[in-house]
Each structure stands twice: as structure tokens, then as C-alpha cells.
Amino acid sequence: MIEFSISSEENEEVSIISITGEVDIFTSPRLKEEFIKLFKQDQFRIVVNMLETRYFDASGLGVLAGALKHCYKMGGSIAVVYAVPHIIRVFNITGMDKVFKIFETQKEAISFLNNLDQSK
């Protein structure tokens, strides 16, 4: 079993949250705390890198949805990067794949967020 860990970093105007391990009812509060930390730093363009995430349930999706709503209010957005097919399945089943911008690479996600101003 891969131990859960979460970290964040800045890349130009974009913040990146990287998640390793499993996001479930026990670990999703830590994800929420990470978003709150970024919001307090006026960071509202966020990549959620799930390349090392092995499990992701509805509690994590709820945290992401709440964070996305706040980012939208502040003129930002969230882009999700995934590698494991069953991660994207959670988004597909719930219809959240139509709400979130989902990418296969972090580079694509960063590019999307960097170009938000141009798409308005």
C-alpha cells in the first residue's frame, strides 16, 4: 500500500497540488486543508496532479468540487491530471468529467490555466 502524501508548489502563476496514495474519507480533509492554504495565498489557478494517486472516492471529489466553485468565483479554475484509468472513471460516472478540465499531462494542465485570460 502506498502511503498518502500531499504537497503543493508554484509554477509561474499556477499552483500544483500533487497527491500520492489514496484519497478517501480519511485523507480528503488533508486535501481540503491544502486548498485552503493556497486560497489564503490568493492562488486560484490550481493543477491537481493525480499521477501517483491510486484510489479516489466521492469524498475527494466533493473536496475538488467545492474548491473548483471557489476558484471560479475568484476568476480561476482547477485542472486535473490523472494516469490511472479508474481515477477518471469516478469523474465519468458522476458526470464531473464535464465540469472539470482533465488532462493526461501536467504540462497541458498548466498551459490551460495559463491561458484562462485569453479564453475570456
PDB file of N, CA and C in Angstrom:
ATOM      1  N   MET A   1       0.833  -1.177   0.000  1.00  0.00           N
ATOM      2  CA  MET A   1       0.000   0.000   0.000  1.00  0.00           C
ATOM      3  C   MET A   1       0.883   1.248   0.000  1.00  0.00           C
ATOM      4  N   ILE A   2       0.538   2.198  -0.859  1.00  0.00           N
ATOM      5  CA  ILE A   2       1.278   3.447  -0.955  1.00  0.00           C
ATOM      6  C   ILE A   2       0.739   4.409   0.092  1.00  0.00           C
ATOM      7  N   GLU A   3       1.636   4.978   0.876  1.00  0.00           N
ATOM      8  CA  GLU A   3       1.228   5.917   1.914  1.00  0.00           C
ATOM      9  C   GLU A   3       0.728   7.211   1.288  1.00  0.00           C
ATOM     10  N   PHE A   4      -0.307   7.791   1.873  1.00  0.00           N
ATOM     11  CA  PHE A   4      -0.873   9.044   1.394  1.00  0.00           C
ATOM     12  C   PHE A   4       0.084  10.187   1.690  1.00  0.00           C
ATOM     13  N   SER A   5       0.277  11.043   0.686  1.00  0.00           N
ATOM     14  CA  SER A   5       1.009  12.286   0.900  1.00  0.00           C
ATOM     15  C   SER A   5       0.466  13.335  -0.050  1.00  0.00           C
ATOM     16  N   ILE A   6       0.615  14.572   0.355  1.00  0.00           N
ATOM     17  CA  ILE A   6       0.137  15.687  -0.453  1.00  0.00           C
ATOM     18  C   ILE A   6       1.150  16.816  -0.332  1.00  0.00           C
ATOM     19  N   SER A   7       1.412  17.485  -1.443  1.00  0.00           N
ATOM     20  CA  SER A   7       2.334  18.618  -1.425  1.00  0.00           C
ATOM     21  C   SER A   7       1.859  19.628  -2.458  1.00  0.00           C
ATOM     22  N   SER A   8       2.320  20.857  -2.298  1.00  0.00           N
ATOM     23  CA  SER A   8       1.983  21.875  -3.288  1.00  0.00           C
ATOM     24  C   SER A   8       3.226  22.699  -3.607  1.00  0.00           C
ATOM     25  N   GLU A   9       3.222  23.240  -4.815  1.00  0.00           N
ATOM     26  CA  GLU A   9       4.315  24.075  -5.295  1.00  0.00           C
ATOM     27  C   GLU A   9       3.742  25.083  -6.279  1.00  0.00           C
ATOM     28  N   GLU A  10       4.504  26.129  -6.549  1.00  0.00           N
ATOM     29  CA  GLU A  10       4.084  27.122  -7.530  1.00  0.00           C
ATOM     30  C   GLU A  10       4.912  26.984  -8.791  1.00  0.00           C
ATOM     31  N   ASN A  11       4.231  27.171  -9.932  1.00  0.00           N
ATOM     32  CA  ASN A  11       4.881  27.162 -11.232  1.00  0.00           C
ATOM     33  C   ASN A  11       4.354  28.383 -11.974  1.00  0.00           C
ATOM     34  N   GLU A  12       5.090  29.468 -11.944  1.00  0.00           N
ATOM     35  CA  GLU A  12       4.665  30.755 -12.515  1.00  0.00           C
ATOM     36  C   GLU A  12       3.381  31.212 -11.819  1.00  0.00           C
ATOM     37  N   GLU A  13       2.289  31.318 -12.549  1.00  0.00           N
ATOM     38  CA  GLU A  13       1.022  31.794 -11.988  1.00  0.00           C
ATOM     39  C   GLU A  13       0.125  30.646 -11.518  1.00  0.00           C
ATOM     40  N   VAL A  14       0.613  29.427 -11.612  1.00  0.00           N
ATOM     41  CA  VAL A  14      -0.184  28.238 -11.327  1.00  0.00           C
ATOM     42  C   VAL A  14       0.392  27.509 -10.115  1.00  0.00           C
ATOM     43  N   SER A  15      -0.492  27.040  -9.244  1.00  0.00           N
ATOM     44  CA  SER A  15      -0.077  26.187  -8.128  1.00  0.00           C
ATOM     45  C   SER A  15      -0.376  24.739  -8.489  1.00  0.00           C
ATOM     46  N   ILE A  16       0.459  23.846  -8.003  1.00  0.00           N
ATOM     47  CA  ILE A  16       0.298  22.421  -8.292  1.00  0.00           C
ATOM     48  C   ILE A  16       0.181  21.665  -6.983  1.00  0.00           C
ATOM     49  N   ILE A  17      -0.920  20.940  -6.836  1.00  0.00           N
ATOM     50  CA  ILE A  17      -1.103  20.034  -5.706  1.00  0.00           C
ATOM     51  C   ILE A  17      -0.841  18.628  -6.238  1.00  0.00           C
ATOM     52  N   SER A  18       0.108  17.932  -5.651  1.00  0.00           N
ATOM     53  CA  SER A  18       0.426  16.553  -6.045  1.00  0.00           C
ATOM     54  C   SER A  18      -0.036  15.610  -4.948  1.00  0.00           C
ATOM     55  N   ILE A  19      -0.772  14.590  -5.350  1.00  0.00           N
ATOM     56  CA  ILE A  19      -1.345  13.635  -4.401  1.00  0.00           C
ATOM     57  C   ILE A  19      -0.765  12.253  -4.684  1.00  0.00           C
ATOM     58  N   THR A  20      -0.247  11.610  -3.653  1.00  0.00           N
ATOM     59  CA  THR A  20       0.253  10.243  -3.744  1.00  0.00           C
ATOM     60  C   THR A  20      -0.594   9.366  -2.832  1.00  0.00           C
ATOM     61  N   GLY A  21      -0.932   8.183  -3.322  1.00  0.00           N
ATOM     62  CA  GLY A  21      -1.673   7.233  -2.489  1.00  0.00           C
ATOM     63  C   GLY A  21      -3.169   7.287  -2.714  1.00  0.00           C
ATOM     64  N   GLU A  22      -3.931   7.187  -1.623  1.00  0.00           N
ATOM     65  CA  GLU A  22      -5.381   7.067  -1.689  1.00  0.00           C
ATOM     66  C   GLU A  22      -6.069   8.294  -1.096  1.00  0.00           C
ATOM     67  N   VAL A  23      -7.075   8.792  -1.830  1.00  0.00           N
ATOM     68  CA  VAL A  23      -7.913   9.874  -1.316  1.00  0.00           C
ATOM     69  C   VAL A  23      -9.260   9.259  -0.975  1.00  0.00           C
ATOM     70  N   ASP A  24      -9.571   9.267   0.323  1.00  0.00           N
ATOM     71  CA  ASP A  24     -10.827   8.680   0.798  1.00  0.00           C
ATOM     72  C   ASP A  24     -11.368   9.528   1.945  1.00  0.00           C
ATOM     73  N   ILE A  25     -12.336   9.026   2.634  1.00  0.00           N
ATOM     74  CA  ILE A  25     -12.979   9.759   3.717  1.00  0.00           C
ATOM     75  C   ILE A  25     -11.977  10.158   4.807  1.00  0.00           C
ATOM     76  N   PHE A  26     -10.916   9.407   4.956  1.00  0.00           N
ATOM     77  CA  PHE A  26      -9.925   9.686   5.994  1.00  0.00           C
ATOM     78  C   PHE A  26      -8.873  10.704   5.555  1.00  0.00           C
ATOM     79  N   THR A  27      -8.548  10.716   4.261  1.00  0.00           N
ATOM     80  CA  THR A  27      -7.486  11.601   3.780  1.00  0.00           C
ATOM     81  C   THR A  27      -8.005  12.857   3.073  1.00  0.00           C
ATOM     82  N   SER A  28      -9.249  12.876   2.652  1.00  0.00           N
ATOM     83  CA  SER A  28      -9.776  14.041   1.927  1.00  0.00           C
ATOM     84  C   SER A  28      -9.734  15.334   2.746  1.00  0.00           C
ATOM     85  N   PRO A  29      -9.857  15.306   4.096  1.00  0.00           N
ATOM     86  CA  PRO A  29      -9.703  16.557   4.840  1.00  0.00           C
ATOM     87  C   PRO A  29      -8.324  17.201   4.649  1.00  0.00           C
ATOM     88  N   ARG A  30      -7.303  16.394   4.454  1.00  0.00           N
ATOM     89  CA  ARG A  30      -5.963  16.950   4.205  1.00  0.00           C
ATOM     90  C   ARG A  30      -5.898  17.635   2.844  1.00  0.00           C
ATOM     91  N   LEU A  31      -6.625  17.096   1.882  1.00  0.00           N
ATOM     92  CA  LEU A  31      -6.708  17.736   0.570  1.00  0.00           C
ATOM     93  C   LEU A  31      -7.405  19.091   0.698  1.00  0.00           C
ATOM     94  N   LYS A  32      -8.481  19.121   1.461  1.00  0.00           N
ATOM     95  CA  LYS A  32      -9.201  20.374   1.686  1.00  0.00           C
ATOM     96  C   LYS A  32      -8.288  21.406   2.353  1.00  0.00           C
ATOM     97  N   GLU A  33      -7.521  20.981   3.329  1.00  0.00           N
ATOM     98  CA  GLU A  33      -6.582  21.882   4.012  1.00  0.00           C
ATOM     99  C   GLU A  33      -5.567  22.474   3.036  1.00  0.00           C
ATOM    100  N   GLU A  34      -5.137  21.665   2.084  1.00  0.00           N
ATOM    101  CA  GLU A  34      -4.159  22.144   1.096  1.00  0.00           C
ATOM    102  C   GLU A  34      -4.775  23.232   0.215  1.00  0.00           C
ATOM    103  N   PHE A  35      -6.025  23.030  -0.195  1.00  0.00           N
ATOM    104  CA  PHE A  35      -6.708  24.065  -0.971  1.00  0.00           C
ATOM    105  C   PHE A  35      -6.862  25.351  -0.155  1.00  0.00           C
ATOM    106  N   ILE A  36      -7.265  25.224   1.092  1.00  0.00           N
ATOM    107  CA  ILE A  36      -7.441  26.406   1.951  1.00  0.00           C
ATOM    108  C   ILE A  36      -6.130  27.175   2.077  1.00  0.00           C
ATOM    109  N   LYS A  37      -5.039  26.450   2.227  1.00  0.00           N
ATOM    110  CA  LYS A  37      -3.723  27.084   2.321  1.00  0.00           C
ATOM    111  C   LYS A  37      -3.430  27.901   1.060  1.00  0.00           C
ATOM    112  N   LEU A  38      -3.728  27.337  -0.110  1.00  0.00           N
ATOM    113  CA  LEU A  38      -3.487  28.053  -1.366  1.00  0.00           C
ATOM    114  C   LEU A  38      -4.415  29.250  -1.512  1.00  0.00           C
ATOM    115  N   PHE A  39      -5.669  29.090  -1.112  1.00  0.00           N
ATOM    116  CA  PHE A  39      -6.619  30.205  -1.204  1.00  0.00           C
ATOM    117  C   PHE A  39      -6.167  31.381  -0.335  1.00  0.00           C
ATOM    118  N   LYS A  40      -5.612  31.087   0.830  1.00  0.00           N
ATOM    119  CA  LYS A  40      -5.114  32.145   1.716  1.00  0.00           C
ATOM    120  C   LYS A  40      -3.930  32.879   1.093  1.00  0.00           C
ATOM    121  N   GLN A  41      -3.280  32.237   0.130  1.00  0.00           N
ATOM    122  CA  GLN A  41      -2.151  32.848  -0.590  1.00  0.00           C
ATOM    123  C   GLN A  41      -2.604  33.447  -1.924  1.00  0.00           C
ATOM    124  N   ASP A  42      -3.930  33.578  -2.094  1.00  0.00           N
ATOM    125  CA  ASP A  42      -4.527  34.110  -3.333  1.00  0.00           C
ATOM    126  C   ASP A  42      -4.150  33.293  -4.563  1.00  0.00           C
ATOM    127  N   GLN A  43      -4.102  31.998  -4.397  1.00  0.00           N
ATOM    128  CA  GLN A  43      -3.828  31.084  -5.508  1.00  0.00           C
ATOM    129  C   GLN A  43      -5.150  30.434  -5.927  1.00  0.00           C
ATOM    130  N   PHE A  44      -5.580  30.718  -7.177  1.00  0.00           N
ATOM    131  CA  PHE A  44      -6.867  30.213  -7.644  1.00  0.00           C
ATOM    132  C   PHE A  44      -6.775  29.511  -8.996  1.00  0.00           C
ATOM    133  N   ARG A  45      -5.572  29.344  -9.495  1.00  0.00           N
ATOM    134  CA  ARG A  45      -5.313  28.536 -10.695  1.00  0.00           C
ATOM    135  C   ARG A  45      -4.489  27.352 -10.218  1.00  0.00           C
ATOM    136  N   ILE A  46      -5.144  26.203 -10.157  1.00  0.00           N
ATOM    137  CA  ILE A  46      -4.531  25.060  -9.471  1.00  0.00           C
ATOM    138  C   ILE A  46      -4.589  23.808 -10.339  1.00  0.00           C
ATOM    139  N   VAL A  47      -3.454  23.163 -10.482  1.00  0.00           N
ATOM    140  CA  VAL A  47      -3.373  21.834 -11.090  1.00  0.00           C
ATOM    141  C   VAL A  47      -3.419  20.831  -9.952  1.00  0.00           C
ATOM    142  N   VAL A  48      -4.278  19.828 -10.078  1.00  0.00           N
ATOM    143  CA  VAL A  48      -4.295  18.714  -9.134  1.00  0.00           C
ATOM    144  C   VAL A  48      -3.672  17.534  -9.861  1.00  0.00           C
ATOM    145  N   ASN A  49      -2.427  17.247  -9.497  1.00  0.00           N
ATOM    146  CA  ASN A  49      -1.670  16.177 -10.139  1.00  0.00           C
ATOM    147  C   ASN A  49      -1.976  14.869  -9.419  1.00  0.00           C
ATOM    148  N   MET A  50      -2.683  13.992 -10.129  1.00  0.00           N
ATOM    149  CA  MET A  50      -3.076  12.699  -9.566  1.00  0.00           C
ATOM    150  C   MET A  50      -2.339  11.547 -10.250  1.00  0.00           C
ATOM    151  N   LEU A  51      -1.171  11.839 -10.794  1.00  0.00           N
ATOM    152  CA  LEU A  51      -0.405  10.800 -11.480  1.00  0.00           C
ATOM    153  C   LEU A  51       0.027   9.675 -10.543  1.00  0.00           C
ATOM    154  N   GLU A  52       0.173   9.981  -9.255  1.00  0.00           N
ATOM    155  CA  GLU A  52       0.567   8.973  -8.266  1.00  0.00           C
ATOM    156  C   GLU A  52      -0.582   8.603  -7.330  1.00  0.00           C
ATOM    157  N   THR A  53      -1.799   9.007  -7.691  1.00  0.00           N
ATOM    158  CA  THR A  53      -2.976   8.689  -6.886  1.00  0.00           C
ATOM    159  C   THR A  53      -3.492   7.323  -7.318  1.00  0.00           C
ATOM    160  N   ARG A  54      -3.673   6.430  -6.368  1.00  0.00           N
ATOM    161  CA  ARG A  54      -4.089   5.064  -6.686  1.00  0.00           C
ATOM    162  C   ARG A  54      -5.564   4.793  -6.392  1.00  0.00           C
ATOM    163  N   TYR A  55      -6.170   5.640  -5.580  1.00  0.00           N
ATOM    164  CA  TYR A  55      -7.591   5.468  -5.245  1.00  0.00           C
ATOM    165  C   TYR A  55      -8.167   6.848  -4.970  1.00  0.00           C
ATOM    166  N   PHE A  56      -9.385   7.067  -5.442  1.00  0.00           N
ATOM    167  CA  PHE A  56     -10.029   8.367  -5.290  1.00  0.00           C
ATOM    168  C   PHE A  56     -11.527   8.134  -5.197  1.00  0.00           C
ATOM    169  N   ASP A  57     -12.132   8.549  -4.075  1.00  0.00           N
ATOM    170  CA  ASP A  57     -13.567   8.293  -3.915  1.00  0.00           C
ATOM    171  C   ASP A  57     -14.372   9.591  -3.901  1.00  0.00           C
ATOM    172  N   ALA A  58     -15.659   9.462  -3.626  1.00  0.00           N
ATOM    173  CA  ALA A  58     -16.584  10.595  -3.676  1.00  0.00           C
ATOM    174  C   ALA A  58     -16.232  11.691  -2.675  1.00  0.00           C
ATOM    175  N   SER A  59     -15.626  11.331  -1.545  1.00  0.00           N
ATOM    176  CA  SER A  59     -15.259  12.366  -0.578  1.00  0.00           C
ATOM    177  C   SER A  59     -14.204  13.294  -1.170  1.00  0.00           C
ATOM    178  N   GLY A  60     -13.264  12.744  -1.897  1.00  0.00           N
ATOM    179  CA  GLY A  60     -12.256  13.558  -2.568  1.00  0.00           C
ATOM    180  C   GLY A  60     -12.865  14.392  -3.683  1.00  0.00           C
ATOM    181  N   LEU A  61     -13.812  13.798  -4.403  1.00  0.00           N
ATOM    182  CA  LEU A  61     -14.498  14.523  -5.466  1.00  0.00           C
ATOM    183  C   LEU A  61     -15.275  15.706  -4.900  1.00  0.00           C
ATOM    184  N   GLY A  62     -15.867  15.521  -3.726  1.00  0.00           N
ATOM    185  CA  GLY A  62     -16.574  16.613  -3.065  1.00  0.00           C
ATOM    186  C   GLY A  62     -15.650  17.765  -2.710  1.00  0.00           C
ATOM    187  N   VAL A  63     -14.459  17.442  -2.231  1.00  0.00           N
ATOM    188  CA  VAL A  63     -13.468  18.475  -1.913  1.00  0.00           C
ATOM    189  C   VAL A  63     -13.079  19.218  -3.192  1.00  0.00           C
ATOM    190  N   LEU A  64     -12.830  18.478  -4.267  1.00  0.00           N
ATOM    191  CA  LEU A  64     -12.457  19.113  -5.532  1.00  0.00           C
ATOM    192  C   LEU A  64     -13.570  20.019  -6.045  1.00  0.00           C
ATOM    193  N   ALA A  65     -14.817  19.558  -5.962  1.00  0.00           N
ATOM    194  CA  ALA A  65     -15.945  20.351  -6.450  1.00  0.00           C
ATOM    195  C   ALA A  65     -16.088  21.654  -5.668  1.00  0.00           C
ATOM    196  N   GLY A  66     -15.948  21.584  -4.357  1.00  0.00           N
ATOM    197  CA  GLY A  66     -16.014  22.787  -3.539  1.00  0.00           C
ATOM    198  C   GLY A  66     -14.887  23.755  -3.859  1.00  0.00           C
ATOM    199  N   ALA A  67     -13.696  23.222  -4.063  1.00  0.00           N
ATOM    200  CA  ALA A  67     -12.545  24.059  -4.397  1.00  0.00           C
ATOM    201  C   ALA A  67     -12.718  24.699  -5.777  1.00  0.00           C
ATOM    202  N   LEU A  68     -13.247  23.935  -6.720  1.00  0.00           N
ATOM    203  CA  LEU A  68     -13.472  24.469  -8.065  1.00  0.00           C
ATOM    204  C   LEU A  68     -14.460  25.627  -8.025  1.00  0.00           C
ATOM    205  N   LYS A  69     -15.513  25.477  -7.258  1.00  0.00           N
ATOM    206  CA  LYS A  69     -16.517  26.537  -7.130  1.00  0.00           C
ATOM    207  C   LYS A  69     -15.860  27.822  -6.606  1.00  0.00           C
ATOM    208  N   HIS A  70     -15.009  27.685  -5.603  1.00  0.00           N
ATOM    209  CA  HIS A  70     -14.321  28.853  -5.042  1.00  0.00           C
ATOM    210  C   HIS A  70     -13.362  29.454  -6.068  1.00  0.00           C
ATOM    211  N   CYS A  71     -12.642  28.613  -6.788  1.00  0.00           N
ATOM    212  CA  CYS A  71     -11.720  29.113  -7.810  1.00  0.00           C
ATOM    213  C   CYS A  71     -12.469  29.889  -8.882  1.00  0.00           C
ATOM    214  N   TYR A  72     -13.617  29.376  -9.325  1.00  0.00           N
ATOM    215  CA  TYR A  72     -14.420  30.075 -10.334  1.00  0.00           C
ATOM    216  C   TYR A  72     -14.825  31.462  -9.841  1.00  0.00           C
ATOM    217  N   LYS A  73     -15.250  31.547  -8.592  1.00  0.00           N
ATOM    218  CA  LYS A  73     -15.652  32.844  -8.015  1.00  0.00           C
ATOM    219  C   LYS A  73     -14.515  33.857  -8.063  1.00  0.00           C
ATOM    220  N   MET A  74     -13.292  33.369  -7.955  1.00  0.00           N
ATOM    221  CA  MET A  74     -12.121  34.238  -7.893  1.00  0.00           C
ATOM    222  C   MET A  74     -11.435  34.387  -9.263  1.00  0.00           C
ATOM    223  N   GLY A  75     -12.094  33.907 -10.315  1.00  0.00           N
ATOM    224  CA  GLY A  75     -11.547  34.050 -11.662  1.00  0.00           C
ATOM    225  C   GLY A  75     -10.536  33.000 -12.052  1.00  0.00           C
ATOM    226  N   GLY A  76     -10.468  31.936 -11.286  1.00  0.00           N
ATOM    227  CA  GLY A  76      -9.514  30.866 -11.575  1.00  0.00           C
ATOM    228  C   GLY A  76     -10.191  29.585 -12.002  1.00  0.00           C
ATOM    229  N   SER A  77      -9.484  28.489 -11.872  1.00  0.00           N
ATOM    230  CA  SER A  77     -10.016  27.176 -12.218  1.00  0.00           C
ATOM    231  C   SER A  77      -9.096  26.097 -11.651  1.00  0.00           C
ATOM    232  N   ILE A  78      -9.530  24.866 -11.820  1.00  0.00           N
ATOM    233  CA  ILE A  78      -8.738  23.702 -11.433  1.00  0.00           C
ATOM    234  C   ILE A  78      -8.619  22.797 -12.648  1.00  0.00           C
ATOM    235  N   ALA A  79      -7.424  22.314 -12.889  1.00  0.00           N
ATOM    236  CA  ALA A  79      -7.183  21.328 -13.941  1.00  0.00           C
ATOM    237  C   ALA A  79      -6.657  20.057 -13.270  1.00  0.00           C
ATOM    238  N   VAL A  80      -7.212  18.929 -13.666  1.00  0.00           N
ATOM    239  CA  VAL A  80      -6.858  17.642 -13.063  1.00  0.00           C
ATOM    240  C   VAL A  80      -5.985  16.853 -14.030  1.00  0.00           C
ATOM    241  N   VAL A  81      -4.918  16.258 -13.499  1.00  0.00           N
ATOM    242  CA  VAL A  81      -4.038  15.382 -14.272  1.00  0.00           C
ATOM    243  C   VAL A  81      -4.135  13.995 -13.657  1.00  0.00           C
ATOM    244  N   TYR A  82      -4.375  12.980 -14.493  1.00  0.00           N
ATOM    245  CA  TYR A  82      -4.529  11.623 -13.974  1.00  0.00           C
ATOM    246  C   TYR A  82      -3.732  10.636 -14.823  1.00  0.00           C
ATOM    247  N   ALA A  83      -3.460   9.472 -14.281  1.00  0.00           N
ATOM    248  CA  ALA A  83      -2.769   8.414 -15.016  1.00  0.00           C
ATOM    249  C   ALA A  83      -3.534   7.097 -14.949  1.00  0.00           C
ATOM    250  N   VAL A  84      -4.155   6.819 -13.810  1.00  0.00           N
ATOM    251  CA  VAL A  84      -4.808   5.532 -13.587  1.00  0.00           C
ATOM    252  C   VAL A  84      -6.250   5.600 -14.107  1.00  0.00           C
ATOM    253  N   PRO A  85      -6.626   4.691 -15.010  1.00  0.00           N
ATOM    254  CA  PRO A  85      -7.968   4.748 -15.615  1.00  0.00           C
ATOM    255  C   PRO A  85      -9.129   4.774 -14.616  1.00  0.00           C
ATOM    256  N   HIS A  86      -9.018   4.068 -13.492  1.00  0.00           N
ATOM    257  CA  HIS A  86     -10.160   4.056 -12.575  1.00  0.00           C
ATOM    258  C   HIS A  86     -10.338   5.393 -11.864  1.00  0.00           C
ATOM    259  N   ILE A  87      -9.326   6.260 -11.893  1.00  0.00           N
ATOM    260  CA  ILE A  87      -9.483   7.605 -11.334  1.00  0.00           C
ATOM    261  C   ILE A  87     -10.449   8.400 -12.214  1.00  0.00           C
ATOM    262  N   ILE A  88     -10.206   8.397 -13.508  1.00  0.00           N
ATOM    263  CA  ILE A  88     -11.079   9.144 -14.421  1.00  0.00           C
ATOM    264  C   ILE A  88     -12.483   8.541 -14.428  1.00  0.00           C
ATOM    265  N   ARG A  89     -12.591   7.265 -14.151  1.00  0.00           N
ATOM    266  CA  ARG A  89     -13.904   6.616 -14.099  1.00  0.00           C
ATOM    267  C   ARG A  89     -14.801   7.249 -13.037  1.00  0.00           C
ATOM    268  N   VAL A  90     -14.235   7.644 -11.899  1.00  0.00           N
ATOM    269  CA  VAL A  90     -15.007   8.320 -10.849  1.00  0.00           C
ATOM    270  C   VAL A  90     -15.600   9.614 -11.404  1.00  0.00           C
ATOM    271  N   PHE A  91     -14.811  10.343 -12.176  1.00  0.00           N
ATOM    272  CA  PHE A  91     -15.302  11.582 -12.789  1.00  0.00           C
ATOM    273  C   PHE A  91     -16.381  11.281 -13.827  1.00  0.00           C
ATOM    274  N   ASN A  92     -16.170  10.249 -14.645  1.00  0.00           N
ATOM    275  CA  ASN A  92     -17.140   9.888 -15.688  1.00  0.00           C
ATOM    276  C   ASN A  92     -18.474   9.447 -15.110  1.00  0.00           C
ATOM    277  N   ILE A  93     -18.446   8.586 -14.120  1.00  0.00           N
ATOM    278  CA  ILE A  93     -19.674   8.043 -13.520  1.00  0.00           C
ATOM    279  C   ILE A  93     -20.518   9.145 -12.900  1.00  0.00           C
ATOM    280  N   THR A  94     -19.875  10.109 -12.291  1.00  0.00           N
ATOM    281  CA  THR A  94     -20.591  11.182 -11.597  1.00  0.00           C
ATOM    282  C   THR A  94     -20.928  12.361 -12.512  1.00  0.00           C
ATOM    283  N   GLY A  95     -20.438  12.328 -13.738  1.00  0.00           N
ATOM    284  CA  GLY A  95     -20.664  13.438 -14.661  1.00  0.00           C
ATOM    285  C   GLY A  95     -19.723  14.609 -14.434  1.00  0.00           C
ATOM    286  N   MET A  96     -18.792  14.456 -13.508  1.00  0.00           N
ATOM    287  CA  MET A  96     -17.871  15.542 -13.194  1.00  0.00           C
ATOM    288  C   MET A  96     -16.794  15.728 -14.268  1.00  0.00           C
ATOM    289  N   ASP A  97     -16.701  14.782 -15.198  1.00  0.00           N
ATOM    290  CA  ASP A  97     -15.772  14.949 -16.314  1.00  0.00           C
ATOM    291  C   ASP A  97     -16.211  16.098 -17.218  1.00  0.00           C
ATOM    292  N   LYS A  98     -17.474  16.498 -17.116  1.00  0.00           N
ATOM    293  CA  LYS A  98     -17.969  17.631 -17.887  1.00  0.00           C
ATOM    294  C   LYS A  98     -17.787  18.950 -17.139  1.00  0.00           C
ATOM    295  N   VAL A  99     -17.463  18.871 -15.854  1.00  0.00           N
ATOM    296  CA  VAL A  99     -17.276  20.053 -15.016  1.00  0.00           C
ATOM    297  C   VAL A  99     -15.794  20.418 -14.912  1.00  0.00           C
ATOM    298  N   PHE A 100     -14.957  19.416 -14.733  1.00  0.00           N
ATOM    299  CA  PHE A 100     -13.521  19.637 -14.578  1.00  0.00           C
ATOM    300  C   PHE A 100     -12.810  19.536 -15.913  1.00  0.00           C
ATOM    301  N   LYS A 101     -11.750  20.301 -16.056  1.00  0.00           N
ATOM    302  CA  LYS A 101     -10.835  20.163 -17.188  1.00  0.00           C
ATOM    303  C   LYS A 101      -9.835  19.087 -16.783  1.00  0.00           C
ATOM    304  N   ILE A 102      -9.773  18.017 -17.574  1.00  0.00           N
ATOM    305  CA  ILE A 102      -8.956  16.854 -17.218  1.00  0.00           C
ATOM    306  C   ILE A 102      -7.922  16.615 -18.313  1.00  0.00           C
ATOM    307  N   PHE A 103      -6.685  16.412 -17.889  1.00  0.00           N
ATOM    308  CA  PHE A 103      -5.573  16.275 -18.819  1.00  0.00           C
ATOM    309  C   PHE A 103      -4.738  15.052 -18.478  1.00  0.00           C
ATOM    310  N   GLU A 104      -3.978  14.595 -19.466  1.00  0.00           N
ATOM    311  CA  GLU A 104      -3.094  13.456 -19.257  1.00  0.00           C
ATOM    312  C   GLU A 104      -1.703  13.877 -18.813  1.00  0.00           C
ATOM    313  N   THR A 105      -1.346  15.150 -19.023  1.00  0.00           N
ATOM    314  CA  THR A 105      -0.023  15.617 -18.606  1.00  0.00           C
ATOM    315  C   THR A 105      -0.136  16.919 -17.813  1.00  0.00           C
ATOM    316  N   GLN A 106       0.804  17.118 -16.935  1.00  0.00           N
ATOM    317  CA  GLN A 106       0.849  18.343 -16.134  1.00  0.00           C
ATOM    318  C   GLN A 106       1.120  19.551 -17.033  1.00  0.00           C
ATOM    319  N   LYS A 107       1.925  19.368 -18.062  1.00  0.00           N
ATOM    320  CA  LYS A 107       2.246  20.454 -18.990  1.00  0.00           C
ATOM    321  C   LYS A 107       0.976  20.985 -19.659  1.00  0.00           C
ATOM    322  N   GLU A 108       0.096  20.087 -20.103  1.00  0.00           N
ATOM    323  CA  GLU A 108      -1.171  20.506 -20.723  1.00  0.00           C
ATOM    324  C   GLU A 108      -2.051  21.264 -19.736  1.00  0.00           C
ATOM    325  N   ALA A 109      -2.101  20.783 -18.507  1.00  0.00           N
ATOM    326  CA  ALA A 109      -2.922  21.422 -17.478  1.00  0.00           C
ATOM    327  C   ALA A 109      -2.426  22.828 -17.163  1.00  0.00           C
ATOM    328  N   ILE A 110      -1.116  22.976 -17.037  1.00  0.00           N
ATOM    329  CA  ILE A 110      -0.527  24.286 -16.764  1.00  0.00           C
ATOM    330  C   ILE A 110      -0.811  25.237 -17.921  1.00  0.00           C
ATOM    331  N   SER A 111      -0.663  24.749 -19.131  1.00  0.00           N
ATOM    332  CA  SER A 111      -0.927  25.574 -20.311  1.00  0.00           C
ATOM    333  C   SER A 111      -2.372  26.061 -20.328  1.00  0.00           C
ATOM    334  N   PHE A 112      -3.307  25.174 -20.029  1.00  0.00           N
ATOM    335  CA  PHE A 112      -4.723  25.564 -19.963  1.00  0.00           C
ATOM    336  C   PHE A 112      -4.932  26.685 -18.954  1.00  0.00           C
ATOM    337  N   LEU A 113      -4.403  26.528 -17.755  1.00  0.00           N
ATOM    338  CA  LEU A 113      -4.599  27.530 -16.709  1.00  0.00           C
ATOM    339  C   LEU A 113      -3.892  28.848 -17.034  1.00  0.00           C
ATOM    340  N   ASN A 114      -2.736  28.775 -17.652  1.00  0.00           N
ATOM    341  CA  ASN A 114      -2.012  29.994 -18.037  1.00  0.00           C
ATOM    342  C   ASN A 114      -2.758  30.776 -19.114  1.00  0.00           C
ATOM    343  N   ASN A 115      -3.601  30.090 -19.879  1.00  0.00           N
ATOM    344  CA  ASN A 115      -4.324  30.742 -20.967  1.00  0.00           C
ATOM    345  C   ASN A 115      -5.757  31.109 -20.602  1.00  0.00           C
ATOM    346  N   LEU A 116      -6.122  31.045 -19.329  1.00  0.00           N
ATOM    347  CA  LEU A 116      -7.501  31.383 -18.924  1.00  0.00           C
ATOM    348  C   LEU A 116      -7.899  32.786 -19.334  1.00  0.00           C
ATOM    349  N   ASP A 117      -7.023  33.756 -19.164  1.00  0.00           N
ATOM    350  CA  ASP A 117      -7.345  35.143 -19.501  1.00  0.00           C
ATOM    351  C   ASP A 117      -7.636  35.306 -20.991  1.00  0.00           C
ATOM    352  N   GLN A 118      -6.932  34.563 -21.815  1.00  0.00           N
ATOM    353  CA  GLN A 118      -7.107  34.674 -23.257  1.00  0.00           C
ATOM    354  C   GLN A 118      -8.415  34.087 -23.735  1.00  0.00           C
ATOM    355  N   SER A 119      -8.978  33.137 -22.964  1.00  0.00           N
ATOM    356  CA  SER A 119     -10.217  32.476 -23.392  1.00  0.00           C
ATOM    357  C   SER A 119     -11.465  33.252 -22.970  1.00  0.00           C
ATOM    358  N   LYS A 120     -11.286  34.348 -22.216  1.00  0.00           N
ATOM    359  CA  LYS A 120     -12.443  35.121 -21.758  1.00  0.00           C
ATOM    360  C   LYS A 120     -12.788  36.216 -22.731  1.00  0.00           C
TER     361      LYS A 120
END
